[in-house]
Amino acid sequence: MRWFPRLPTTTRGARRKNPVVLEITADGSYRLNSQAVAAASLGDELSSVYSRRGDRVLFVKAAGDLEFAAVAGVLDIAHGANVEHVALMPR
């Protein structure tokens, strides 16, 4: 009997093509998939995005001169929005 690897499902393929990327700019503002997001509504925006997705991966790209506390705050907000995995992107 031959073994064949499982083919990826549509959801998996969609995840790779449409990642959720949160950028934290040098002035501390946020851009979610290139759209400006107010700090006060970031948690709600993330919850809305992930309510429609099977995967719960967030890619975070922060400006190089930010304090880690700014990034840690975003990680807390993401956790509250039920994000399961966070990947920090290189500068």
N, C-alpha and C. Protein backbone atom coordinates (compact mmCIF):
# COMPACT_ATOMS: atom_id res chain seq x y z
N MET A 1 0.84 -1.18 0.00
CA MET A 1 0.00 0.00 0.00
C MET A 1 0.88 1.24 0.00
N ARG A 2 0.55 2.19 -0.86
CA ARG A 2 1.33 3.43 -0.95
C ARG A 2 0.72 4.51 -0.08
N TRP A 3 1.56 5.30 0.50
CA TRP A 3 1.11 6.42 1.32
C TRP A 3 1.21 7.70 0.51
N PHE A 4 0.16 8.51 0.55
CA PHE A 4 0.15 9.79 -0.14
C PHE A 4 -0.07 10.90 0.89
N PRO A 5 0.70 11.96 0.80
CA PRO A 5 0.51 13.06 1.76
C PRO A 5 -0.85 13.72 1.55
N ARG A 6 -1.38 14.24 2.61
CA ARG A 6 -2.65 14.97 2.52
C ARG A 6 -2.45 16.28 1.78
N LEU A 7 -3.35 16.56 0.89
CA LEU A 7 -3.29 17.83 0.18
C LEU A 7 -3.84 18.93 1.08
N PRO A 8 -3.29 20.13 0.96
CA PRO A 8 -3.81 21.21 1.81
C PRO A 8 -5.24 21.55 1.46
N THR A 9 -5.99 21.93 2.46
CA THR A 9 -7.37 22.34 2.24
C THR A 9 -7.41 23.78 1.74
N THR A 10 -8.55 24.21 1.29
CA THR A 10 -8.70 25.59 0.81
C THR A 10 -8.39 26.59 1.91
N THR A 11 -8.80 26.30 3.13
CA THR A 11 -8.56 27.21 4.25
C THR A 11 -7.07 27.41 4.47
N ARG A 12 -6.34 26.34 4.39
CA ARG A 12 -4.89 26.46 4.57
C ARG A 12 -4.26 27.30 3.49
N GLY A 13 -4.64 27.04 2.24
CA GLY A 13 -4.10 27.82 1.14
C GLY A 13 -4.45 29.29 1.25
N ALA A 14 -5.68 29.58 1.70
CA ALA A 14 -6.10 30.96 1.86
C ALA A 14 -5.28 31.65 2.93
N ARG A 15 -4.91 30.91 3.97
CA ARG A 15 -4.12 31.51 5.04
C ARG A 15 -2.79 32.00 4.51
N ARG A 16 -2.18 31.24 3.68
CA ARG A 16 -0.87 31.62 3.16
C ARG A 16 -0.97 32.81 2.22
N LYS A 17 -2.08 32.90 1.51
CA LYS A 17 -2.23 33.98 0.53
C LYS A 17 -2.71 35.27 1.18
N ASN A 18 -3.43 35.17 2.27
CA ASN A 18 -4.02 36.35 2.90
C ASN A 18 -3.65 36.44 4.38
N PRO A 19 -2.39 36.63 4.69
CA PRO A 19 -2.03 36.72 6.10
C PRO A 19 -2.56 38.01 6.71
N VAL A 20 -2.75 38.00 8.01
CA VAL A 20 -3.15 39.20 8.73
C VAL A 20 -1.86 39.82 9.27
N VAL A 21 -1.58 41.04 8.83
CA VAL A 21 -0.35 41.72 9.22
C VAL A 21 -0.69 43.01 9.94
N LEU A 22 -0.17 43.14 11.14
CA LEU A 22 -0.33 44.36 11.92
C LEU A 22 1.01 45.08 11.96
N GLU A 23 1.02 46.30 11.48
CA GLU A 23 2.22 47.13 11.52
C GLU A 23 2.09 48.14 12.65
N ILE A 24 3.16 48.29 13.40
CA ILE A 24 3.23 49.33 14.43
C ILE A 24 4.27 50.33 13.95
N THR A 25 3.85 51.53 13.65
CA THR A 25 4.76 52.52 13.08
C THR A 25 5.59 53.18 14.17
N ALA A 26 6.56 53.96 13.75
CA ALA A 26 7.46 54.61 14.70
C ALA A 26 6.73 55.56 15.65
N ASP A 27 5.61 56.14 15.19
CA ASP A 27 4.86 57.03 16.07
C ASP A 27 3.83 56.29 16.93
N GLY A 28 3.82 54.94 16.84
CA GLY A 28 2.94 54.13 17.67
C GLY A 28 1.56 53.89 17.09
N SER A 29 1.33 54.33 15.86
CA SER A 29 0.02 54.08 15.24
C SER A 29 0.00 52.68 14.63
N TYR A 30 -1.20 52.21 14.32
CA TYR A 30 -1.38 50.85 13.82
C TYR A 30 -1.94 50.84 12.41
N ARG A 31 -1.50 49.84 11.65
CA ARG A 31 -2.05 49.57 10.32
C ARG A 31 -2.31 48.07 10.26
N LEU A 32 -3.56 47.70 10.03
CA LEU A 32 -3.95 46.31 9.94
C LEU A 32 -4.20 46.00 8.48
N ASN A 33 -3.35 45.15 7.90
CA ASN A 33 -3.40 44.87 6.45
C ASN A 33 -3.46 46.17 5.65
N SER A 34 -2.56 47.07 5.99
CA SER A 34 -2.36 48.36 5.31
C SER A 34 -3.45 49.39 5.55
N GLN A 35 -4.41 49.10 6.41
CA GLN A 35 -5.47 50.05 6.74
C GLN A 35 -5.24 50.62 8.14
N ALA A 36 -5.29 51.95 8.25
CA ALA A 36 -5.10 52.58 9.56
C ALA A 36 -6.19 52.14 10.52
N VAL A 37 -5.76 51.86 11.77
CA VAL A 37 -6.69 51.44 12.83
C VAL A 37 -6.39 52.28 14.06
N ALA A 38 -7.43 52.84 14.66
CA ALA A 38 -7.26 53.61 15.89
C ALA A 38 -6.87 52.68 17.03
N ALA A 39 -6.02 53.14 17.90
CA ALA A 39 -5.56 52.33 19.03
C ALA A 39 -6.73 51.83 19.87
N ALA A 40 -7.73 52.68 20.07
CA ALA A 40 -8.87 52.31 20.91
C ALA A 40 -9.72 51.20 20.30
N SER A 41 -9.66 51.03 18.99
CA SER A 41 -10.50 50.01 18.34
C SER A 41 -9.70 48.80 17.83
N LEU A 42 -8.42 48.73 18.17
CA LEU A 42 -7.59 47.62 17.66
C LEU A 42 -8.13 46.26 18.10
N GLY A 43 -8.49 46.10 19.35
CA GLY A 43 -9.02 44.82 19.82
C GLY A 43 -10.29 44.41 19.09
N ASP A 44 -11.19 45.37 18.89
CA ASP A 44 -12.43 45.08 18.17
C ASP A 44 -12.16 44.71 16.72
N GLU A 45 -11.23 45.40 16.09
CA GLU A 45 -10.88 45.10 14.69
C GLU A 45 -10.30 43.70 14.57
N LEU A 46 -9.40 43.34 15.48
CA LEU A 46 -8.81 42.00 15.45
C LEU A 46 -9.87 40.94 15.70
N SER A 47 -10.75 41.18 16.65
CA SER A 47 -11.83 40.22 16.93
C SER A 47 -12.70 40.03 15.70
N SER A 48 -13.00 41.10 15.01
CA SER A 48 -13.82 41.03 13.81
C SER A 48 -13.13 40.22 12.71
N VAL A 49 -11.86 40.49 12.50
CA VAL A 49 -11.10 39.77 11.46
C VAL A 49 -11.06 38.28 11.78
N TYR A 50 -10.75 37.94 13.02
CA TYR A 50 -10.57 36.52 13.36
C TYR A 50 -11.88 35.78 13.57
N SER A 51 -12.99 36.48 13.66
CA SER A 51 -14.28 35.79 13.75
C SER A 51 -14.63 35.14 12.42
N ARG A 52 -14.01 35.59 11.34
CA ARG A 52 -14.29 35.06 10.00
C ARG A 52 -13.19 34.15 9.48
N ARG A 53 -12.20 33.86 10.29
CA ARG A 53 -11.05 33.07 9.82
C ARG A 53 -10.92 31.78 10.62
N GLY A 54 -10.47 30.74 9.93
CA GLY A 54 -10.20 29.48 10.61
C GLY A 54 -8.86 29.50 11.32
N ASP A 55 -7.89 30.16 10.72
CA ASP A 55 -6.57 30.23 11.34
C ASP A 55 -6.50 31.47 12.21
N ARG A 56 -5.69 31.41 13.22
CA ARG A 56 -5.58 32.51 14.17
C ARG A 56 -4.12 32.92 14.33
N VAL A 57 -3.52 33.30 13.19
CA VAL A 57 -2.12 33.71 13.17
C VAL A 57 -2.06 35.20 12.84
N LEU A 58 -1.31 35.94 13.62
CA LEU A 58 -1.11 37.37 13.39
C LEU A 58 0.37 37.62 13.18
N PHE A 59 0.70 38.31 12.10
CA PHE A 59 2.07 38.72 11.84
C PHE A 59 2.21 40.17 12.29
N VAL A 60 3.20 40.44 13.12
CA VAL A 60 3.41 41.77 13.66
C VAL A 60 4.74 42.31 13.14
N LYS A 61 4.67 43.50 12.55
CA LYS A 61 5.86 44.17 12.04
C LYS A 61 5.95 45.52 12.73
N ALA A 62 6.97 45.69 13.56
CA ALA A 62 7.11 46.91 14.35
C ALA A 62 8.30 47.73 13.86
N ALA A 63 8.17 49.03 13.95
CA ALA A 63 9.27 49.92 13.61
C ALA A 63 10.46 49.60 14.51
N GLY A 64 11.64 49.74 13.97
CA GLY A 64 12.85 49.34 14.68
C GLY A 64 13.15 50.09 15.95
N ASP A 65 12.70 51.33 16.07
CA ASP A 65 13.06 52.11 17.24
C ASP A 65 11.99 52.11 18.34
N LEU A 66 11.01 51.24 18.23
CA LEU A 66 9.97 51.15 19.25
C LEU A 66 10.47 50.41 20.49
N GLU A 67 9.97 50.80 21.63
CA GLU A 67 10.24 50.06 22.85
C GLU A 67 9.45 48.75 22.80
N PHE A 68 9.99 47.71 23.43
CA PHE A 68 9.30 46.43 23.41
C PHE A 68 7.94 46.52 24.10
N ALA A 69 7.78 47.42 25.03
CA ALA A 69 6.50 47.57 25.74
C ALA A 69 5.37 47.86 24.75
N ALA A 70 5.65 48.59 23.67
CA ALA A 70 4.62 48.88 22.66
C ALA A 70 4.20 47.60 21.96
N VAL A 71 5.16 46.74 21.68
CA VAL A 71 4.86 45.46 21.03
C VAL A 71 4.15 44.53 22.02
N ALA A 72 4.60 44.51 23.25
CA ALA A 72 3.97 43.67 24.28
C ALA A 72 2.51 44.05 24.48
N GLY A 73 2.21 45.34 24.41
CA GLY A 73 0.82 45.79 24.54
C GLY A 73 -0.05 45.23 23.43
N VAL A 74 0.50 45.19 22.21
CA VAL A 74 -0.23 44.62 21.07
C VAL A 74 -0.44 43.13 21.27
N LEU A 75 0.55 42.44 21.82
CA LEU A 75 0.41 41.02 22.08
C LEU A 75 -0.72 40.74 23.06
N ASP A 76 -0.85 41.59 24.06
CA ASP A 76 -1.97 41.46 25.02
C ASP A 76 -3.31 41.66 24.33
N ILE A 77 -3.40 42.68 23.49
CA ILE A 77 -4.64 42.95 22.76
C ILE A 77 -4.97 41.78 21.85
N ALA A 78 -3.97 41.24 21.15
CA ALA A 78 -4.18 40.10 20.25
C ALA A 78 -4.67 38.88 21.03
N HIS A 79 -4.08 38.65 22.18
CA HIS A 79 -4.51 37.53 23.01
C HIS A 79 -5.98 37.68 23.40
N GLY A 80 -6.37 38.88 23.74
CA GLY A 80 -7.76 39.16 24.08
C GLY A 80 -8.72 38.98 22.91
N ALA A 81 -8.18 39.05 21.68
CA ALA A 81 -8.99 38.87 20.47
C ALA A 81 -8.94 37.43 19.99
N ASN A 82 -8.45 36.53 20.83
CA ASN A 82 -8.36 35.09 20.53
C ASN A 82 -7.39 34.74 19.41
N VAL A 83 -6.34 35.54 19.25
CA VAL A 83 -5.27 35.19 18.33
C VAL A 83 -4.44 34.10 19.01
N GLU A 84 -4.20 32.99 18.30
CA GLU A 84 -3.50 31.87 18.91
C GLU A 84 -1.99 31.92 18.69
N HIS A 85 -1.55 32.47 17.55
CA HIS A 85 -0.12 32.50 17.24
C HIS A 85 0.25 33.89 16.74
N VAL A 86 1.37 34.39 17.23
CA VAL A 86 1.90 35.66 16.77
C VAL A 86 3.30 35.43 16.23
N ALA A 87 3.53 35.95 15.04
CA ALA A 87 4.86 35.86 14.44
C ALA A 87 5.40 37.27 14.31
N LEU A 88 6.56 37.50 14.87
CA LEU A 88 7.20 38.81 14.76
C LEU A 88 8.02 38.84 13.47
N MET A 89 7.76 39.83 12.64
CA MET A 89 8.44 39.94 11.36
C MET A 89 9.71 40.75 11.54
N PRO A 90 10.76 40.39 10.81
CA PRO A 90 11.99 41.18 10.91
C PRO A 90 11.80 42.58 10.33
N ARG A 91 12.63 43.48 10.77
CA ARG A 91 12.54 44.87 10.28
C ARG A 91 13.00 44.99 8.88
